[in-house]
Amino acid sequence: MIIKISNLNSLSELHKLETLDLRSNEIEDISPIIGLKNLKRFTINKNP
């Protein structure tokens, strides 16, 4: 069974996060992570 991520709300408080790879999930809204100032590398291809 493959579980796909669809909600990023739980990541919004990870202010030290620098790299995030969310390829091949079910993400439609990235607004919860917009405020992550230390995020340097973000991959989100293959989402709706």
N, C-alpha and C. Protein backbone atom coordinates (compact mmCIF):
# COMPACT_ATOMS: atom_id res chain seq x y z
N MET A 1 0.83 -1.18 0.00
CA MET A 1 0.00 0.00 0.00
C MET A 1 0.88 1.25 0.00
N ILE A 2 0.62 2.15 -0.91
CA ILE A 2 1.38 3.40 -1.00
C ILE A 2 0.52 4.52 -0.44
N ILE A 3 1.08 5.26 0.52
CA ILE A 3 0.38 6.39 1.10
C ILE A 3 0.95 7.66 0.49
N LYS A 4 0.06 8.51 -0.03
CA LYS A 4 0.49 9.75 -0.66
C LYS A 4 0.10 10.94 0.21
N ILE A 5 0.97 11.93 0.27
CA ILE A 5 0.73 13.14 1.05
C ILE A 5 -0.18 14.07 0.27
N SER A 6 -1.16 14.64 0.95
CA SER A 6 -2.06 15.59 0.29
C SER A 6 -2.15 16.91 1.04
N ASN A 7 -1.62 16.98 2.27
CA ASN A 7 -1.76 18.16 3.09
C ASN A 7 -0.40 18.51 3.72
N LEU A 8 0.00 19.78 3.61
CA LEU A 8 1.30 20.20 4.12
C LEU A 8 1.21 20.99 5.43
N ASN A 9 0.05 21.07 6.03
CA ASN A 9 -0.13 21.87 7.25
C ASN A 9 0.84 21.50 8.35
N SER A 10 1.13 20.23 8.52
CA SER A 10 2.02 19.80 9.61
C SER A 10 3.47 20.23 9.39
N LEU A 11 3.82 20.69 8.20
CA LEU A 11 5.19 21.12 7.92
C LEU A 11 5.40 22.62 8.17
N SER A 12 4.33 23.36 8.38
CA SER A 12 4.41 24.82 8.45
C SER A 12 5.25 25.35 9.61
N GLU A 13 5.47 24.56 10.64
CA GLU A 13 6.27 25.01 11.79
C GLU A 13 7.71 24.53 11.75
N LEU A 14 8.12 23.87 10.69
CA LEU A 14 9.49 23.35 10.58
C LEU A 14 10.40 24.43 9.99
N HIS A 15 10.65 25.47 10.76
CA HIS A 15 11.35 26.66 10.28
C HIS A 15 12.81 26.43 9.91
N LYS A 16 13.41 25.36 10.37
CA LYS A 16 14.80 25.07 10.03
C LYS A 16 14.93 24.13 8.83
N LEU A 17 13.81 23.72 8.27
CA LEU A 17 13.81 22.80 7.13
C LEU A 17 14.50 23.45 5.93
N GLU A 18 15.45 22.75 5.32
CA GLU A 18 16.20 23.28 4.19
C GLU A 18 15.90 22.56 2.88
N THR A 19 15.56 21.29 2.94
CA THR A 19 15.30 20.49 1.74
C THR A 19 14.01 19.73 1.92
N LEU A 20 13.19 19.74 0.86
CA LEU A 20 11.91 19.04 0.91
C LEU A 20 11.62 18.43 -0.45
N ASP A 21 11.45 17.13 -0.48
CA ASP A 21 11.15 16.40 -1.72
C ASP A 21 9.77 15.78 -1.59
N LEU A 22 8.83 16.28 -2.35
CA LEU A 22 7.43 15.82 -2.28
C LEU A 22 6.97 15.26 -3.62
N ARG A 23 7.86 14.70 -4.39
CA ARG A 23 7.50 14.14 -5.69
C ARG A 23 6.46 13.04 -5.56
N SER A 24 5.60 12.97 -6.56
CA SER A 24 4.62 11.88 -6.71
C SER A 24 3.67 11.74 -5.52
N ASN A 25 3.03 12.83 -5.15
CA ASN A 25 2.05 12.82 -4.07
C ASN A 25 0.73 13.38 -4.60
N GLU A 26 -0.12 13.85 -3.72
CA GLU A 26 -1.43 14.39 -4.09
C GLU A 26 -1.57 15.83 -3.59
N ILE A 27 -0.51 16.61 -3.66
CA ILE A 27 -0.49 17.97 -3.12
C ILE A 27 -1.05 18.96 -4.14
N GLU A 28 -2.01 19.76 -3.70
CA GLU A 28 -2.60 20.80 -4.54
C GLU A 28 -2.36 22.19 -3.98
N ASP A 29 -2.05 22.30 -2.68
CA ASP A 29 -1.88 23.59 -2.02
C ASP A 29 -0.56 23.62 -1.27
N ILE A 30 0.35 24.51 -1.70
CA ILE A 30 1.64 24.61 -1.02
C ILE A 30 1.69 25.80 -0.07
N SER A 31 0.59 26.49 0.13
CA SER A 31 0.58 27.68 0.98
C SER A 31 1.06 27.44 2.41
N PRO A 32 0.86 26.26 3.02
CA PRO A 32 1.36 26.08 4.39
C PRO A 32 2.89 26.17 4.53
N ILE A 33 3.63 26.00 3.45
CA ILE A 33 5.09 26.05 3.56
C ILE A 33 5.70 27.33 2.97
N ILE A 34 4.86 28.26 2.55
CA ILE A 34 5.35 29.51 1.96
C ILE A 34 6.28 30.27 2.91
N GLY A 35 6.01 30.23 4.20
CA GLY A 35 6.80 30.99 5.18
C GLY A 35 8.08 30.33 5.63
N LEU A 36 8.45 29.20 5.08
CA LEU A 36 9.67 28.51 5.50
C LEU A 36 10.88 29.18 4.84
N LYS A 37 11.46 30.13 5.54
CA LYS A 37 12.54 30.97 5.00
C LYS A 37 13.84 30.23 4.74
N ASN A 38 14.08 29.12 5.42
CA ASN A 38 15.33 28.37 5.23
C ASN A 38 15.23 27.31 4.14
N LEU A 39 14.07 27.15 3.54
CA LEU A 39 13.87 26.14 2.51
C LEU A 39 14.65 26.54 1.26
N LYS A 40 15.68 25.77 0.93
CA LYS A 40 16.55 26.09 -0.19
C LYS A 40 16.29 25.21 -1.40
N ARG A 41 15.84 24.00 -1.16
CA ARG A 41 15.58 23.06 -2.25
C ARG A 41 14.21 22.43 -2.03
N PHE A 42 13.35 22.57 -3.03
CA PHE A 42 11.98 22.11 -2.93
C PHE A 42 11.58 21.44 -4.24
N THR A 43 11.23 20.16 -4.19
CA THR A 43 10.83 19.41 -5.37
C THR A 43 9.39 18.95 -5.19
N ILE A 44 8.55 19.24 -6.19
CA ILE A 44 7.13 18.90 -6.06
C ILE A 44 6.54 18.37 -7.38
N ASN A 45 7.36 17.96 -8.30
CA ASN A 45 6.83 17.46 -9.58
C ASN A 45 6.01 16.19 -9.39
N LYS A 46 5.18 15.87 -10.36
CA LYS A 46 4.29 14.71 -10.37
C LYS A 46 3.22 14.77 -9.28
N ASN A 47 2.65 15.94 -9.09
CA ASN A 47 1.50 16.17 -8.22
C ASN A 47 0.39 16.74 -9.11
N PRO A 48 -0.86 16.68 -8.64
CA PRO A 48 -1.94 17.22 -9.49
C PRO A 48 -1.76 18.68 -9.84
